[in-house]
């Protein structure tokens, strides 16, 4: 090690963290929006500054050396403090309302987030601050996680039991899933609950892979029955499309109870009871770093 190692910049530390997380120079380049050459250059600059090697480079990717892993463990607090400082400096020079980039999975974006944003606006107005401008992207849970990792949004909301590693998570409670059929479907006439093994064997109308709804149902079936569900009858990209297909009698389906309230009241869909434990999934806020006092933290507190 060099006799007088130089403390690396936050930019270099963040690059090392992303290489360690993604397992490759190419993966870090995608997350950071840089070329692979630029990422490699940053890693070399880091190694020159501290005087030790931080990566094992191989054909199949890059792994952290012991020193690299240790530096990465220290870097988390440093980067969080750097982000807090950057956010604070922005508040000193801001001349117009703050802007928050949010990505939310479908059910949260459709049902829950509008109410949270109203409460955020009311709280800001009560405090004498201009309302934050919110840019909302709607994705499935996998897409939300990806956008948070890449830094494309400051805050994400997901609905999946498959929780990401390397991000800051806050539990927002659970969402109950409902088994739904058209009024003409045989299950609508049953006088007993549908068993989970019967649901697992049925070909359903489902969301696409990466959807929190689909992940949750598959996770429940794996956990309780130790098997895979039957192949989907039809895969669709939004809850609204799934609702329409179920109403048309295509097949049964599973959705959040919160998105089908009107359909149940109006008799367009029938809620099928299930035996055993309720079908639920966690709701979670995700971000790269917690920044106390930020609008993102205020919105998470409202959602909790």
Protein backbone atom coordinates (compact mmCIF):
# COMPACT_ATOMS: atom_id res chain seq x y z
CA UNK A 1 0.00 0.00 0.00
CA UNK A 2 1.18 3.54 -0.71
CA UNK A 3 2.73 5.30 2.31
CA UNK A 4 0.31 8.20 2.01
CA UNK A 5 -2.88 6.96 0.32
CA UNK A 6 -5.26 9.64 -0.90
CA UNK A 7 -8.92 9.47 0.13
CA UNK A 8 -10.87 8.75 -3.08
CA UNK A 9 -13.70 10.97 -4.28
CA UNK A 10 -17.36 10.01 -3.93
CA UNK A 11 -17.44 9.52 -7.71
CA UNK A 12 -14.71 6.87 -7.55
CA UNK A 13 -16.25 5.16 -4.52
CA UNK A 14 -19.67 5.00 -6.19
CA UNK A 15 -18.08 3.42 -9.25
CA UNK A 16 -16.42 0.71 -7.14
CA UNK A 17 -19.69 0.01 -5.30
CA UNK A 18 -21.55 -0.46 -8.60
CA UNK A 19 -18.86 -2.77 -10.02
CA UNK A 20 -19.09 -4.87 -6.87
CA UNK A 21 -22.88 -4.92 -6.97
CA UNK A 22 -23.25 -5.77 -10.67
CA UNK A 23 -20.21 -8.05 -10.84
CA UNK A 24 -18.74 -6.46 -13.95
CA UNK A 25 -17.33 -3.30 -15.49
CA UNK A 26 -20.07 -3.47 -18.14
CA UNK A 27 -22.82 -3.73 -15.53
CA UNK A 28 -21.50 -0.72 -13.62
CA UNK A 29 -21.25 1.23 -16.87
CA UNK A 30 -24.93 0.58 -17.61
CA UNK A 31 -26.01 1.67 -14.12
CA UNK A 32 -23.86 4.80 -14.12
CA UNK A 33 -24.55 5.77 -17.73
CA UNK A 34 -20.85 5.64 -18.64
CA UNK A 35 -18.71 3.80 -21.14
CA UNK A 36 -16.81 0.73 -19.97
CA UNK A 37 -13.58 2.60 -20.66
CA UNK A 38 -14.67 5.41 -18.33
CA UNK A 39 -15.52 2.94 -15.55
CA UNK A 40 -12.17 1.17 -15.99
CA UNK A 41 -10.43 4.53 -15.84
CA UNK A 42 -12.16 5.41 -12.59
CA UNK A 43 -11.17 2.09 -11.03
CA UNK A 44 -7.54 2.66 -12.06
CA UNK A 45 -7.67 6.15 -10.55
CA UNK A 46 -9.04 4.68 -7.33
CA UNK A 47 -6.29 2.07 -7.19
CA UNK A 48 -3.65 4.72 -7.89
CA UNK A 49 -5.03 6.91 -5.10
CA UNK A 50 -5.04 4.23 -2.41
CA UNK A 51 -2.17 2.09 -3.62
CA UNK A 52 -3.92 -1.30 -3.59
CA UNK A 53 -5.82 -3.44 -6.09
CA UNK A 54 -9.59 -3.45 -5.59
CA UNK A 55 -10.71 -5.84 -8.35
CA UNK A 56 -9.98 -9.33 -9.63
CA UNK A 57 -10.57 -9.00 -13.38
CA UNK A 58 -11.54 -12.10 -15.32
CA UNK A 59 -13.26 -13.23 -18.52
CA UNK A 60 -16.54 -13.88 -16.70
CA UNK A 61 -16.57 -10.55 -14.86
CA UNK A 62 -14.96 -8.64 -12.03
CA UNK A 63 -14.98 -9.49 -8.33
CA UNK A 64 -13.83 -7.40 -5.40
CA UNK A 65 -10.52 -8.15 -3.74
CA UNK A 66 -10.53 -8.32 0.06
CA UNK A 67 -9.41 -4.70 0.10
CA UNK A 68 -12.09 -3.75 -2.43
CA UNK A 69 -14.81 -5.43 -0.35
CA UNK A 70 -13.63 -3.62 2.77
CA UNK A 71 -13.58 -0.25 1.00
CA UNK A 72 -17.08 -0.91 -0.36
CA UNK A 73 -18.36 -1.60 3.16
CA UNK A 74 -16.92 1.73 4.32
CA UNK A 75 -18.20 3.58 1.26
CA UNK A 76 -21.90 3.16 2.08
CA UNK A 77 -21.87 5.70 4.91
CA UNK A 78 -19.60 8.04 2.96
CA UNK A 79 -21.89 8.06 -0.09
CA UNK A 80 -25.01 8.51 2.02
CA UNK A 81 -23.41 11.52 3.74
CA UNK A 82 -22.34 12.91 0.35
CA UNK A 83 -25.89 12.61 -0.99
CA UNK A 84 -27.30 14.32 2.11
CA UNK A 85 -24.83 17.16 1.64
CA UNK A 86 -25.74 17.50 -2.05
CA UNK A 87 -29.45 17.58 -1.23
CA UNK A 88 -28.89 20.17 1.48
CA UNK A 89 -26.85 22.42 -0.81
CA UNK A 90 -29.64 22.33 -3.36
CA UNK A 91 -32.09 23.65 -0.79
CA UNK A 92 -29.82 26.67 -0.19
CA UNK A 93 -29.89 27.72 -3.83
CA UNK A 94 -33.32 26.50 -4.96
CA UNK A 95 -35.41 29.23 -6.58
CA UNK A 96 -38.35 27.07 -7.59
CA UNK A 97 -40.21 24.06 -6.17
CA UNK A 98 -38.36 20.83 -5.50
CA UNK A 99 -38.78 17.98 -7.98
CA UNK A 100 -39.03 14.32 -7.00
CA UNK A 101 -38.71 11.43 -9.43
CA UNK A 102 -40.78 8.44 -8.35
CA UNK A 103 -41.34 5.01 -9.90
CA UNK A 104 -44.24 2.92 -8.63
CA UNK A 105 -45.63 -0.47 -9.51
CA UNK A 106 -49.10 -0.61 -10.97
CA UNK A 107 -51.40 -1.08 -7.97
CA UNK A 108 -49.62 1.49 -5.83
CA UNK A 109 -49.58 4.01 -8.69
CA UNK A 110 -53.26 3.46 -9.43
CA UNK A 111 -54.76 3.21 -5.95
CA UNK A 112 -52.47 4.37 -3.15
CA UNK A 113 -49.97 6.92 -4.44
CA UNK A 114 -52.52 9.60 -5.45
CA UNK A 115 -53.71 9.88 -1.84
CA UNK A 116 -50.15 9.97 -0.52
CA UNK A 117 -49.28 12.80 -2.91
CA UNK A 118 -52.31 14.82 -1.80
CA UNK A 119 -51.19 14.46 1.82
CA UNK A 120 -47.64 15.49 0.85
CA UNK A 121 -48.94 18.60 -0.91
CA UNK A 122 -51.12 19.52 2.08
CA UNK A 123 -48.18 19.08 4.48
CA UNK A 124 -45.92 21.26 2.33
CA UNK A 125 -48.55 23.98 2.03
CA UNK A 126 -49.14 23.90 5.80
CA UNK A 127 -45.39 24.38 6.29
CA UNK A 128 -45.36 27.33 3.89
CA UNK A 129 -43.37 25.50 1.21
CA UNK A 130 -44.31 25.31 -2.48
CA UNK A 131 -45.62 21.85 -3.46
CA UNK A 132 -43.02 19.46 -4.83
CA UNK A 133 -43.29 18.67 -8.53
CA UNK A 134 -43.50 14.87 -8.79
CA UNK A 135 -42.49 13.00 -11.95
CA UNK A 136 -44.16 9.57 -11.80
CA UNK A 137 -43.17 6.53 -13.83
CA UNK A 138 -45.34 3.41 -13.68
CA UNK A 139 -43.53 0.07 -14.01
CA UNK A 140 -43.82 -3.47 -12.72
CA UNK A 141 -41.87 -4.12 -9.52
CA UNK A 142 -38.78 -5.39 -11.35
CA UNK A 143 -38.72 -2.26 -13.49
CA UNK A 144 -39.05 -0.01 -10.44
CA UNK A 145 -36.10 -1.71 -8.73
CA UNK A 146 -34.00 -1.32 -11.88
CA UNK A 147 -34.74 2.41 -12.14
CA UNK A 148 -33.83 2.96 -8.49
CA UNK A 149 -30.55 1.06 -8.92
CA UNK A 150 -29.66 3.12 -11.99
CA UNK A 151 -30.40 6.38 -10.20
CA UNK A 152 -33.14 7.28 -12.68
CA UNK A 153 -35.54 7.93 -9.79
CA UNK A 154 -34.98 8.92 -6.17
CA UNK A 155 -37.76 6.74 -4.78
CA UNK A 156 -39.58 3.56 -5.77
CA UNK A 157 -42.62 1.68 -4.50
CA UNK A 158 -42.91 -2.07 -5.12
CA UNK A 159 -45.39 -4.87 -4.40
CA UNK A 160 -43.26 -8.00 -4.53
CA UNK A 161 -42.04 -10.48 -1.89
CA UNK A 162 -38.77 -10.74 -3.84
CA UNK A 163 -37.02 -7.82 -2.14
CA UNK A 164 -33.83 -6.35 -3.61
CA UNK A 165 -30.45 -6.33 -1.90
CA UNK A 166 -28.16 -3.33 -1.70
CA UNK A 167 -31.00 -0.79 -1.43
CA UNK A 168 -32.68 0.97 1.50
CA UNK A 169 -36.08 -0.62 2.20
CA UNK A 170 -39.10 0.48 4.26
CA UNK A 171 -42.04 -1.80 4.99
CA UNK A 172 -45.35 -0.13 4.12
CA UNK A 173 -47.63 -2.99 5.19
CA UNK A 174 -49.32 -5.70 3.16
CA UNK A 175 -51.78 -5.86 0.28
CA UNK A 176 -54.37 -8.64 0.07
CA UNK A 177 -54.75 -10.50 -3.20
CA UNK A 178 -58.10 -11.77 -4.45
CA UNK A 179 -59.01 -14.74 -6.64
CA UNK A 180 -61.49 -13.46 -9.22
CA UNK A 181 -63.75 -14.96 -11.86
CA UNK A 182 -66.52 -13.89 -14.20
CA UNK A 183 -70.07 -14.47 -12.87
CA UNK A 184 -70.48 -17.29 -15.42
CA UNK A 185 -67.39 -19.21 -14.31
CA UNK A 186 -68.01 -22.50 -12.41
CA UNK A 187 -66.00 -21.28 -9.40
CA UNK A 188 -68.56 -18.51 -8.91
CA UNK A 189 -71.16 -21.16 -8.03
CA UNK A 190 -69.04 -23.23 -5.66
CA UNK A 191 -70.23 -23.46 -2.07
CA UNK A 192 -66.74 -24.06 -0.70
CA UNK A 193 -63.45 -22.16 -0.90
CA UNK A 194 -60.99 -22.91 -3.67
CA UNK A 195 -57.99 -24.79 -2.33
CA UNK A 196 -54.53 -23.44 -3.05
CA UNK A 197 -53.58 -26.60 -4.96
CA UNK A 198 -56.63 -26.07 -7.21
CA UNK A 199 -55.58 -22.47 -7.80
CA UNK A 200 -52.02 -23.60 -8.57
CA UNK A 201 -53.30 -26.14 -11.11
CA UNK A 202 -55.55 -23.64 -12.90
CA UNK A 203 -54.38 -21.73 -15.96
CA UNK A 204 -54.92 -18.11 -15.00
CA UNK A 205 -54.97 -14.69 -16.58
CA UNK A 206 -51.80 -13.17 -15.13
CA UNK A 207 -49.53 -10.16 -15.27
CA UNK A 208 -46.21 -10.37 -17.06
CA UNK A 209 -43.03 -11.78 -15.45
CA UNK A 210 -41.56 -9.21 -13.06
CA UNK A 211 -44.97 -8.07 -11.86
CA UNK A 212 -45.36 -7.93 -8.09
CA UNK A 213 -48.78 -9.61 -8.32
CA UNK A 214 -47.40 -12.54 -10.27
CA UNK A 215 -44.26 -12.78 -8.12
CA UNK A 216 -46.39 -12.83 -4.97
CA UNK A 217 -48.69 -15.62 -6.14
CA UNK A 218 -45.80 -17.74 -7.40
CA UNK A 219 -43.95 -17.17 -4.12
CA UNK A 220 -46.99 -18.26 -2.08
CA UNK A 221 -47.43 -21.43 -4.16
CA UNK A 222 -43.74 -22.27 -3.87
CA UNK A 223 -43.70 -21.64 -0.12
CA UNK A 224 -46.88 -23.51 0.76
CA UNK A 225 -47.01 -26.28 -1.86
CA UNK A 226 -43.38 -26.61 -2.98
CA UNK A 227 -44.40 -26.61 -6.64
CA UNK A 228 -44.70 -24.30 -9.63
CA UNK A 229 -48.05 -22.91 -10.76
CA UNK A 230 -49.56 -24.04 -14.03
CA UNK A 231 -48.59 -22.03 -17.14
CA UNK A 232 -50.61 -18.87 -17.64
CA UNK A 233 -53.64 -18.92 -19.91
CA UNK A 234 -52.93 -15.31 -20.87
CA UNK A 235 -50.26 -12.77 -19.83
CA UNK A 236 -51.15 -9.07 -19.81
CA UNK A 237 -49.24 -5.92 -18.87
CA UNK A 238 -51.68 -4.00 -16.65
CA UNK A 239 -54.24 -4.70 -13.92
CA UNK A 240 -56.93 -3.12 -16.11
CA UNK A 241 -56.21 -5.56 -18.94
CA UNK A 242 -56.28 -8.51 -16.52
CA UNK A 243 -59.63 -7.33 -15.12
CA UNK A 244 -61.10 -7.08 -18.60
CA UNK A 245 -59.93 -10.59 -19.54
CA UNK A 246 -61.36 -12.09 -16.35
CA UNK A 247 -64.68 -10.29 -16.90
CA UNK A 248 -64.79 -11.68 -20.44
CA UNK A 249 -64.55 -15.22 -19.04
CA UNK A 250 -61.06 -15.97 -20.38
CA UNK A 251 -59.94 -17.60 -17.12
CA UNK A 252 -59.73 -16.89 -13.39
CA UNK A 253 -57.15 -14.38 -12.21
CA UNK A 254 -55.54 -12.92 -9.11
CA UNK A 255 -55.34 -9.18 -8.44
CA UNK A 256 -55.15 -6.80 -5.51
CA UNK A 257 -58.54 -6.42 -3.84
CA UNK A 258 -57.97 -2.68 -3.93
CA UNK A 259 -58.17 -2.46 -7.73
CA UNK A 260 -61.39 -4.47 -8.14
CA UNK A 261 -63.69 -2.87 -5.56
CA UNK A 262 -65.99 -1.31 -8.15
CA UNK A 263 -66.11 -4.53 -10.20
CA UNK A 264 -67.17 -6.49 -7.12
CA UNK A 265 -69.82 -3.96 -6.07
CA UNK A 266 -71.28 -3.84 -9.59
CA UNK A 267 -71.21 -7.63 -9.99
CA UNK A 268 -68.84 -7.62 -12.95
CA UNK A 269 -66.45 -9.91 -11.06
CA UNK A 270 -66.96 -12.51 -8.35
CA UNK A 271 -64.58 -12.87 -5.40
CA UNK A 272 -63.76 -16.54 -4.84
CA UNK A 273 -62.91 -17.47 -1.22
CA UNK A 274 -59.71 -19.44 -0.66
CA UNK A 275 -58.91 -21.81 2.17
CA UNK A 276 -55.95 -21.43 4.51
CA UNK A 277 -54.00 -18.26 5.12
CA UNK A 278 -54.90 -15.10 3.16
CA UNK A 279 -52.99 -14.39 -0.03
CA UNK A 280 -50.91 -11.29 0.74
CA UNK A 281 -47.82 -9.48 -0.49
CA UNK A 282 -45.65 -6.78 1.09
CA UNK A 283 -45.63 -3.16 -0.03
CA UNK A 284 -42.17 -1.63 0.16
CA UNK A 285 -40.46 1.72 -0.44
CA UNK A 286 -37.00 1.44 -2.02
CA UNK A 287 -34.20 3.95 -2.59
CA UNK A 288 -30.44 3.95 -2.90
CA UNK A 289 -29.83 6.10 0.18
CA UNK A 290 -31.87 7.63 2.97
CA UNK A 291 -31.50 11.41 3.05
CA UNK A 292 -33.06 12.74 6.29
CA UNK A 293 -35.31 15.74 5.74
CA UNK A 294 -35.71 15.12 2.01
CA UNK A 295 -39.05 15.09 0.20
CA UNK A 296 -38.55 11.38 -0.52
CA UNK A 297 -38.30 10.61 3.20
CA UNK A 298 -41.37 12.72 3.90
CA UNK A 299 -43.36 10.80 1.29
CA UNK A 300 -42.21 7.46 2.74
CA UNK A 301 -43.32 8.60 6.20
CA UNK A 302 -46.76 9.48 4.81
CA UNK A 303 -47.02 6.08 3.10
CA UNK A 304 -45.95 4.12 6.19
